[in-house]
Amino acid sequence: MTTGIVRKIDDLGRIVIPAEMRRVLGIKEGDELEITLDGNHVEIRPRIPTIVHEFSLDAAEPMTIDGMTVDLAPGEYIVERLRRSRD
């Protein structure tokens, strides 16, 4: 996703992530975000618990969990995809 929005940093170093970006990423109030420095820019992404990484897939495949078939794309996380489908 390439979306450019300019935000000012307040006196405490905070920025507001636009509602549409939070909705697309499934970020809700109270969620943890991972902030990293990559070269000359800052990356902010939803924090995915370590155990979720163990269930990530490298190739697309359908998977059945509790009788529900989910078609997963490479890089998607099973736990995250199921949570979003129930919203």
PDB file of N, CA and C in Angstrom:
ATOM      1  N   MET A   1       0.851  -1.167   0.000  1.00  0.00           N
ATOM      2  CA  MET A   1       0.000   0.000   0.000  1.00  0.00           C
ATOM      3  C   MET A   1       0.893   1.225   0.000  1.00  0.00           C
ATOM      4  N   THR A   2       0.689   2.097  -0.959  1.00  0.00           N
ATOM      5  CA  THR A   2       1.439   3.337  -1.004  1.00  0.00           C
ATOM      6  C   THR A   2       0.449   4.485  -0.859  1.00  0.00           C
ATOM      7  N   THR A   3       0.353   5.003   0.343  1.00  0.00           N
ATOM      8  CA  THR A   3      -0.548   6.103   0.623  1.00  0.00           C
ATOM      9  C   THR A   3       0.243   7.157   1.369  1.00  0.00           C
ATOM     10  N   GLY A   4       0.287   8.365   0.815  1.00  0.00           N
ATOM     11  CA  GLY A   4       1.039   9.432   1.465  1.00  0.00           C
ATOM     12  C   GLY A   4       0.130  10.416   2.160  1.00  0.00           C
ATOM     13  N   ILE A   5       0.297  10.551   3.454  1.00  0.00           N
ATOM     14  CA  ILE A   5      -0.457  11.513   4.249  1.00  0.00           C
ATOM     15  C   ILE A   5       0.539  12.198   5.157  1.00  0.00           C
ATOM     16  N   VAL A   6       0.450  13.504   5.246  1.00  0.00           N
ATOM     17  CA  VAL A   6       1.369  14.272   6.077  1.00  0.00           C
ATOM     18  C   VAL A   6       0.708  14.536   7.428  1.00  0.00           C
ATOM     19  N   ARG A   7       1.430  14.243   8.491  1.00  0.00           N
ATOM     20  CA  ARG A   7       0.969  14.500   9.851  1.00  0.00           C
ATOM     21  C   ARG A   7       2.074  15.219  10.608  1.00  0.00           C
ATOM     22  N   LYS A   8       1.691  16.103  11.522  1.00  0.00           N
ATOM     23  CA  LYS A   8       2.673  16.785  12.373  1.00  0.00           C
ATOM     24  C   LYS A   8       2.862  15.983  13.659  1.00  0.00           C
ATOM     25  N   ILE A   9       4.066  16.035  14.178  1.00  0.00           N
ATOM     26  CA  ILE A   9       4.382  15.407  15.454  1.00  0.00           C
ATOM     27  C   ILE A   9       4.101  16.427  16.551  1.00  0.00           C
ATOM     28  N   ASP A  10       3.399  16.008  17.614  1.00  0.00           N
ATOM     29  CA  ASP A  10       3.116  16.955  18.698  1.00  0.00           C
ATOM     30  C   ASP A  10       4.319  17.071  19.635  1.00  0.00           C
ATOM     31  N   ASP A  11       4.191  17.888  20.680  1.00  0.00           N
ATOM     32  CA  ASP A  11       5.317  18.159  21.571  1.00  0.00           C
ATOM     33  C   ASP A  11       5.776  16.929  22.362  1.00  0.00           C
ATOM     34  N   LEU A  12       4.970  15.867  22.417  1.00  0.00           N
ATOM     35  CA  LEU A  12       5.366  14.636  23.090  1.00  0.00           C
ATOM     36  C   LEU A  12       5.868  13.578  22.105  1.00  0.00           C
ATOM     37  N   GLY A  13       5.986  13.950  20.823  1.00  0.00           N
ATOM     38  CA  GLY A  13       6.493  13.037  19.818  1.00  0.00           C
ATOM     39  C   GLY A  13       5.440  12.109  19.234  1.00  0.00           C
ATOM     40  N   ARG A  14       4.167  12.406  19.448  1.00  0.00           N
ATOM     41  CA  ARG A  14       3.088  11.551  18.966  1.00  0.00           C
ATOM     42  C   ARG A  14       2.601  11.979  17.585  1.00  0.00           C
ATOM     43  N   ILE A  15       2.110  10.991  16.832  1.00  0.00           N
ATOM     44  CA  ILE A  15       1.441  11.265  15.564  1.00  0.00           C
ATOM     45  C   ILE A  15       0.113  10.509  15.573  1.00  0.00           C
ATOM     46  N   VAL A  16      -0.802  10.928  14.727  1.00  0.00           N
ATOM     47  CA  VAL A  16      -2.084  10.247  14.597  1.00  0.00           C
ATOM     48  C   VAL A  16      -2.050   9.433  13.313  1.00  0.00           C
ATOM     49  N   ILE A  17      -2.340   8.133  13.431  1.00  0.00           N
ATOM     50  CA  ILE A  17      -2.446   7.273  12.249  1.00  0.00           C
ATOM     51  C   ILE A  17      -3.875   7.408  11.739  1.00  0.00           C
ATOM     52  N   PRO A  18      -4.055   7.799  10.476  1.00  0.00           N
ATOM     53  CA  PRO A  18      -5.402   8.018   9.944  1.00  0.00           C
ATOM     54  C   PRO A  18      -6.314   6.796  10.121  1.00  0.00           C
ATOM     55  N   ALA A  19      -7.600   7.052  10.378  1.00  0.00           N
ATOM     56  CA  ALA A  19      -8.584   6.004  10.639  1.00  0.00           C
ATOM     57  C   ALA A  19      -8.635   4.978   9.514  1.00  0.00           C
ATOM     58  N   GLU A  20      -8.575   5.401   8.262  1.00  0.00           N
ATOM     59  CA  GLU A  20      -8.651   4.468   7.139  1.00  0.00           C
ATOM     60  C   GLU A  20      -7.468   3.499   7.152  1.00  0.00           C
ATOM     61  N   MET A  21      -6.270   3.997   7.469  1.00  0.00           N
ATOM     62  CA  MET A  21      -5.095   3.120   7.551  1.00  0.00           C
ATOM     63  C   MET A  21      -5.247   2.130   8.697  1.00  0.00           C
ATOM     64  N   ARG A  22      -5.760   2.607   9.840  1.00  0.00           N
ATOM     65  CA  ARG A  22      -5.982   1.701  10.979  1.00  0.00           C
ATOM     66  C   ARG A  22      -6.997   0.635  10.620  1.00  0.00           C
ATOM     67  N   ARG A  23      -8.046   1.009   9.902  1.00  0.00           N
ATOM     68  CA  ARG A  23      -9.080   0.055   9.507  1.00  0.00           C
ATOM     69  C   ARG A  23      -8.508  -1.002   8.558  1.00  0.00           C
ATOM     70  N   VAL A  24      -7.745  -0.578   7.559  1.00  0.00           N
ATOM     71  CA  VAL A  24      -7.150  -1.503   6.591  1.00  0.00           C
ATOM     72  C   VAL A  24      -6.219  -2.499   7.284  1.00  0.00           C
ATOM     73  N   LEU A  25      -5.461  -2.031   8.262  1.00  0.00           N
ATOM     74  CA  LEU A  25      -4.506  -2.885   8.967  1.00  0.00           C
ATOM     75  C   LEU A  25      -5.130  -3.637  10.149  1.00  0.00           C
ATOM     76  N   GLY A  26      -6.388  -3.344  10.457  1.00  0.00           N
ATOM     77  CA  GLY A  26      -7.042  -4.017  11.582  1.00  0.00           C
ATOM     78  C   GLY A  26      -6.540  -3.547  12.931  1.00  0.00           C
ATOM     79  N   ILE A  27      -6.035  -2.303  13.002  1.00  0.00           N
ATOM     80  CA  ILE A  27      -5.509  -1.758  14.256  1.00  0.00           C
ATOM     81  C   ILE A  27      -6.644  -1.115  15.036  1.00  0.00           C
ATOM     82  N   LYS A  28      -6.771  -1.522  16.301  1.00  0.00           N
ATOM     83  CA  LYS A  28      -7.801  -0.957  17.160  1.00  0.00           C
ATOM     84  C   LYS A  28      -7.152  -0.321  18.383  1.00  0.00           C
ATOM     85  N   GLU A  29      -7.901   0.528  19.071  1.00  0.00           N
ATOM     86  CA  GLU A  29      -7.394   1.179  20.273  1.00  0.00           C
ATOM     87  C   GLU A  29      -6.878   0.124  21.248  1.00  0.00           C
ATOM     88  N   GLY A  30      -5.685   0.355  21.769  1.00  0.00           N
ATOM     89  CA  GLY A  30      -5.075  -0.563  22.720  1.00  0.00           C
ATOM     90  C   GLY A  30      -4.153  -1.589  22.084  1.00  0.00           C
ATOM     91  N   ASP A  31      -4.199  -1.740  20.741  1.00  0.00           N
ATOM     92  CA  ASP A  31      -3.301  -2.678  20.063  1.00  0.00           C
ATOM     93  C   ASP A  31      -1.859  -2.197  20.183  1.00  0.00           C
ATOM     94  N   GLU A  32      -0.941  -3.135  20.179  1.00  0.00           N
ATOM     95  CA  GLU A  32       0.480  -2.796  20.218  1.00  0.00           C
ATOM     96  C   GLU A  32       1.004  -2.625  18.798  1.00  0.00           C
ATOM     97  N   LEU A  33       1.871  -1.643  18.607  1.00  0.00           N
ATOM     98  CA  LEU A  33       2.522  -1.410  17.327  1.00  0.00           C
ATOM     99  C   LEU A  33       4.019  -1.594  17.486  1.00  0.00           C
ATOM    100  N   GLU A  34       4.651  -2.104  16.455  1.00  0.00           N
ATOM    101  CA  GLU A  34       6.103  -2.271  16.445  1.00  0.00           C
ATOM    102  C   GLU A  34       6.686  -1.110  15.646  1.00  0.00           C
ATOM    103  N   ILE A  35       7.632  -0.397  16.241  1.00  0.00           N
ATOM    104  CA  ILE A  35       8.256   0.757  15.592  1.00  0.00           C
ATOM    105  C   ILE A  35       9.731   0.438  15.394  1.00  0.00           C
ATOM    106  N   THR A  36      10.183   0.506  14.141  1.00  0.00           N
ATOM    107  CA  THR A  36      11.578   0.209  13.836  1.00  0.00           C
ATOM    108  C   THR A  36      12.159   1.304  12.961  1.00  0.00           C
ATOM    109  N   LEU A  37      13.471   1.425  13.015  1.00  0.00           N
ATOM    110  CA  LEU A  37      14.194   2.372  12.174  1.00  0.00           C
ATOM    111  C   LEU A  37      14.851   1.568  11.059  1.00  0.00           C
ATOM    112  N   ASP A  38      14.544   1.923   9.812  1.00  0.00           N
ATOM    113  CA  ASP A  38      15.097   1.223   8.654  1.00  0.00           C
ATOM    114  C   ASP A  38      15.787   2.257   7.773  1.00  0.00           C
ATOM    115  N   GLY A  39      17.101   2.315   7.901  1.00  0.00           N
ATOM    116  CA  GLY A  39      17.840   3.332   7.142  1.00  0.00           C
ATOM    117  C   GLY A  39      17.447   4.721   7.596  1.00  0.00           C
ATOM    118  N   ASN A  40      16.861   5.484   6.662  1.00  0.00           N
ATOM    119  CA  ASN A  40      16.497   6.864   7.002  1.00  0.00           C
ATOM    120  C   ASN A  40      14.990   7.045   7.186  1.00  0.00           C
ATOM    121  N   HIS A  41      14.243   5.957   7.428  1.00  0.00           N
ATOM    122  CA  HIS A  41      12.813   6.111   7.685  1.00  0.00           C
ATOM    123  C   HIS A  41      12.340   5.196   8.820  1.00  0.00           C
ATOM    124  N   VAL A  42      11.214   5.574   9.393  1.00  0.00           N
ATOM    125  CA  VAL A  42      10.620   4.846  10.507  1.00  0.00           C
ATOM    126  C   VAL A  42       9.509   3.960   9.958  1.00  0.00           C
ATOM    127  N   GLU A  43       9.471   2.702  10.398  1.00  0.00           N
ATOM    128  CA  GLU A  43       8.404   1.778  10.015  1.00  0.00           C
ATOM    129  C   GLU A  43       7.535   1.508  11.234  1.00  0.00           C
ATOM    130  N   ILE A  44       6.230   1.601  11.043  1.00  0.00           N
ATOM    131  CA  ILE A  44       5.272   1.309  12.108  1.00  0.00           C
ATOM    132  C   ILE A  44       4.333   0.239  11.578  1.00  0.00           C
ATOM    133  N   ARG A  45       4.230  -0.870  12.299  1.00  0.00           N
ATOM    134  CA  ARG A  45       3.348  -1.960  11.856  1.00  0.00           C
ATOM    135  C   ARG A  45       2.706  -2.591  13.075  1.00  0.00           C
ATOM    136  N   PRO A  46       1.550  -3.247  12.866  1.00  0.00           N
ATOM    137  CA  PRO A  46       0.925  -3.950  13.993  1.00  0.00           C
ATOM    138  C   PRO A  46       1.894  -4.998  14.540  1.00  0.00           C
ATOM    139  N   ARG A  47       1.958  -5.109  15.853  1.00  0.00           N
ATOM    140  CA  ARG A  47       2.821  -6.108  16.476  1.00  0.00           C
ATOM    141  C   ARG A  47       2.113  -7.444  16.435  1.00  0.00           C
ATOM    142  N   ILE A  48       2.773  -8.437  15.866  1.00  0.00           N
ATOM    143  CA  ILE A  48       2.216  -9.778  15.780  1.00  0.00           C
ATOM    144  C   ILE A  48       2.950 -10.633  16.803  1.00  0.00           C
ATOM    145  N   PRO A  49       2.220 -11.239  17.730  1.00  0.00           N
ATOM    146  CA  PRO A  49       2.883 -12.053  18.751  1.00  0.00           C
ATOM    147  C   PRO A  49       3.764 -13.135  18.126  1.00  0.00           C
ATOM    148  N   THR A  50       4.833 -13.493  18.826  1.00  0.00           N
ATOM    149  CA  THR A  50       5.795 -14.472  18.316  1.00  0.00           C
ATOM    150  C   THR A  50       5.137 -15.772  17.895  1.00  0.00           C
ATOM    151  N   ILE A  51       4.171 -16.258  18.655  1.00  0.00           N
ATOM    152  CA  ILE A  51       3.569 -17.545  18.315  1.00  0.00           C
ATOM    153  C   ILE A  51       2.868 -17.505  16.956  1.00  0.00           C
ATOM    154  N   VAL A  52       2.368 -16.362  16.545  1.00  0.00           N
ATOM    155  CA  VAL A  52       1.707 -16.247  15.249  1.00  0.00           C
ATOM    156  C   VAL A  52       2.709 -16.487  14.132  1.00  0.00           C
ATOM    157  N   HIS A  53       3.929 -16.023  14.294  1.00  0.00           N
ATOM    158  CA  HIS A  53       4.953 -16.226  13.272  1.00  0.00           C
ATOM    159  C   HIS A  53       5.190 -17.704  12.983  1.00  0.00           C
ATOM    160  N   GLU A  54       5.022 -18.559  13.973  1.00  0.00           N
ATOM    161  CA  GLU A  54       5.231 -19.983  13.778  1.00  0.00           C
ATOM    162  C   GLU A  54       4.202 -20.593  12.836  1.00  0.00           C
ATOM    163  N   PHE A  55       3.062 -19.921  12.655  1.00  0.00           N
ATOM    164  CA  PHE A  55       1.997 -20.432  11.809  1.00  0.00           C
ATOM    165  C   PHE A  55       1.918 -19.721  10.467  1.00  0.00           C
ATOM    166  N   SER A  56       2.893 -18.894  10.123  1.00  0.00           N
ATOM    167  CA  SER A  56       2.844 -18.192   8.852  1.00  0.00           C
ATOM    168  C   SER A  56       3.155 -19.152   7.709  1.00  0.00           C
ATOM    169  N   LEU A  57       2.666 -18.828   6.522  1.00  0.00           N
ATOM    170  CA  LEU A  57       2.841 -19.679   5.347  1.00  0.00           C
ATOM    171  C   LEU A  57       3.717 -18.989   4.316  1.00  0.00           C
ATOM    172  N   ASP A  58       4.520 -19.758   3.611  1.00  0.00           N
ATOM    173  CA  ASP A  58       5.351 -19.202   2.547  1.00  0.00           C
ATOM    174  C   ASP A  58       4.656 -19.282   1.194  1.00  0.00           C
ATOM    175  N   ALA A  59       3.662 -20.168   1.047  1.00  0.00           N
ATOM    176  CA  ALA A  59       2.962 -20.333  -0.229  1.00  0.00           C
ATOM    177  C   ALA A  59       1.455 -20.343   0.022  1.00  0.00           C
ATOM    178  N   ALA A  60       0.676 -19.922  -0.977  1.00  0.00           N
ATOM    179  CA  ALA A  60      -0.778 -19.898  -0.846  1.00  0.00           C
ATOM    180  C   ALA A  60      -1.318 -21.317  -0.718  1.00  0.00           C
ATOM    181  N   GLU A  61      -2.279 -21.480   0.170  1.00  0.00           N
ATOM    182  CA  GLU A  61      -2.926 -22.779   0.318  1.00  0.00           C
ATOM    183  C   GLU A  61      -4.196 -22.643   1.141  1.00  0.00           C
ATOM    184  N   PRO A  62      -5.194 -23.472   0.839  1.00  0.00           N
ATOM    185  CA  PRO A  62      -6.399 -23.473   1.676  1.00  0.00           C
ATOM    186  C   PRO A  62      -6.124 -24.263   2.952  1.00  0.00           C
ATOM    187  N   MET A  63      -6.731 -23.856   4.037  1.00  0.00           N
ATOM    188  CA  MET A  63      -6.526 -24.548   5.309  1.00  0.00           C
ATOM    189  C   MET A  63      -7.862 -24.594   6.039  1.00  0.00           C
ATOM    190  N   THR A  64      -8.177 -25.715   6.667  1.00  0.00           N
ATOM    191  CA  THR A  64      -9.423 -25.853   7.418  1.00  0.00           C
ATOM    192  C   THR A  64      -9.111 -25.832   8.899  1.00  0.00           C
ATOM    193  N   ILE A  65      -9.766 -24.911   9.600  1.00  0.00           N
ATOM    194  CA  ILE A  65      -9.584 -24.768  11.041  1.00  0.00           C
ATOM    195  C   ILE A  65     -10.972 -24.706  11.663  1.00  0.00           C
ATOM    196  N   ASP A  66     -11.258 -25.605  12.582  1.00  0.00           N
ATOM    197  CA  ASP A  66     -12.573 -25.680  13.226  1.00  0.00           C
ATOM    198  C   ASP A  66     -13.706 -25.707  12.207  1.00  0.00           C
ATOM    199  N   GLY A  67     -13.526 -26.459  11.116  1.00  0.00           N
ATOM    200  CA  GLY A  67     -14.555 -26.591  10.100  1.00  0.00           C
ATOM    201  C   GLY A  67     -14.681 -25.424   9.148  1.00  0.00           C
ATOM    202  N   MET A  68     -13.833 -24.432   9.295  1.00  0.00           N
ATOM    203  CA  MET A  68     -13.874 -23.244   8.436  1.00  0.00           C
ATOM    204  C   MET A  68     -12.681 -23.284   7.487  1.00  0.00           C
ATOM    205  N   THR A  69     -12.934 -23.247   6.171  1.00  0.00           N
ATOM    206  CA  THR A  69     -11.843 -23.256   5.203  1.00  0.00           C
ATOM    207  C   THR A  69     -11.439 -21.822   4.902  1.00  0.00           C
ATOM    208  N   VAL A  70     -10.166 -21.573   5.019  1.00  0.00           N
ATOM    209  CA  VAL A  70      -9.627 -20.239   4.789  1.00  0.00           C
ATOM    210  C   VAL A  70      -8.563 -20.343   3.702  1.00  0.00           C
ATOM    211  N   ASP A  71      -8.688 -19.522   2.652  1.00  0.00           N
ATOM    212  CA  ASP A  71      -7.658 -19.465   1.613  1.00  0.00           C
ATOM    213  C   ASP A  71      -6.641 -18.409   2.018  1.00  0.00           C
ATOM    214  N   LEU A  72      -5.446 -18.846   2.306  1.00  0.00           N
ATOM    215  CA  LEU A  72      -4.408 -17.943   2.775  1.00  0.00           C
ATOM    216  C   LEU A  72      -3.420 -17.628   1.661  1.00  0.00           C
ATOM    217  N   ALA A  73      -3.029 -16.380   1.581  1.00  0.00           N
ATOM    218  CA  ALA A  73      -2.014 -15.944   0.625  1.00  0.00           C
ATOM    219  C   ALA A  73      -0.665 -15.921   1.321  1.00  0.00           C
ATOM    220  N   PRO A  74       0.431 -15.973   0.561  1.00  0.00           N
ATOM    221  CA  PRO A  74       1.757 -15.913   1.188  1.00  0.00           C
ATOM    222  C   PRO A  74       1.888 -14.679   2.075  1.00  0.00           C
ATOM    223  N   GLY A  75       2.443 -14.887   3.254  1.00  0.00           N
ATOM    224  CA  GLY A  75       2.679 -13.779   4.174  1.00  0.00           C
ATOM    225  C   GLY A  75       1.522 -13.493   5.108  1.00  0.00           C
ATOM    226  N   GLU A  76       0.329 -14.045   4.851  1.00  0.00           N
ATOM    227  CA  GLU A  76      -0.788 -13.818   5.755  1.00  0.00           C
ATOM    228  C   GLU A  76      -0.621 -14.712   6.983  1.00  0.00           C
ATOM    229  N   TYR A  77      -1.184 -14.266   8.074  1.00  0.00           N
ATOM    230  CA  TYR A  77      -1.095 -15.026   9.310  1.00  0.00           C
ATOM    231  C   TYR A  77      -2.466 -15.605   9.622  1.00  0.00           C
ATOM    232  N   ILE A  78      -2.509 -16.870   9.942  1.00  0.00           N
ATOM    233  CA  ILE A  78      -3.770 -17.559  10.178  1.00  0.00           C
ATOM    234  C   ILE A  78      -4.579 -16.887  11.274  1.00  0.00           C
ATOM    235  N   VAL A  79      -3.972 -16.598  12.391  1.00  0.00           N
ATOM    236  CA  VAL A  79      -4.678 -15.993  13.509  1.00  0.00           C
ATOM    237  C   VAL A  79      -5.264 -14.648  13.101  1.00  0.00           C
ATOM    238  N   GLU A  80      -4.514 -13.832  12.400  1.00  0.00           N
ATOM    239  CA  GLU A  80      -4.978 -12.514  11.983  1.00  0.00           C
ATOM    240  C   GLU A  80      -6.125 -12.635  10.990  1.00  0.00           C
ATOM    241  N   ARG A  81      -6.011 -13.509  10.020  1.00  0.00           N
ATOM    242  CA  ARG A  81      -7.041 -13.656   8.992  1.00  0.00           C
ATOM    243  C   ARG A  81      -8.364 -14.112   9.597  1.00  0.00           C
ATOM    244  N   LEU A  82      -8.342 -15.058  10.517  1.00  0.00           N
ATOM    245  CA  LEU A  82      -9.569 -15.518  11.157  1.00  0.00           C
ATOM    246  C   LEU A  82     -10.194 -14.421  11.999  1.00  0.00           C
ATOM    247  N   ARG A  83      -9.385 -13.646  12.689  1.00  0.00           N
ATOM    248  CA  ARG A  83      -9.922 -12.545  13.499  1.00  0.00           C
ATOM    249  C   ARG A  83     -10.638 -11.545  12.611  1.00  0.00           C
ATOM    250  N   ARG A  84     -10.055 -11.182  11.484  1.00  0.00           N
ATOM    251  CA  ARG A  84     -10.666 -10.210  10.595  1.00  0.00           C
ATOM    252  C   ARG A  84     -11.952 -10.733   9.970  1.00  0.00           C
ATOM    253  N   SER A  85     -12.025 -12.029   9.684  1.00  0.00           N
ATOM    254  CA  SER A  85     -13.209 -12.568   9.039  1.00  0.00           C
ATOM    255  C   SER A  85     -14.420 -12.569   9.977  1.00  0.00           C
ATOM    256  N   ARG A  86     -14.184 -12.473  11.267  1.00  0.00           N
ATOM    257  CA  ARG A  86     -15.284 -12.485  12.233  1.00  0.00           C
ATOM    258  C   ARG A  86     -15.745 -11.086  12.605  1.00  0.00           C
ATOM    259  N   ASP A  87     -15.053 -10.039  12.146  1.00  0.00           N
ATOM    260  CA  ASP A  87     -15.443  -8.653  12.483  1.00  0.00           C
ATOM    261  C   ASP A  87     -16.761  -8.279  11.822  1.00  0.00           C
TER     262      ASP A  87
END
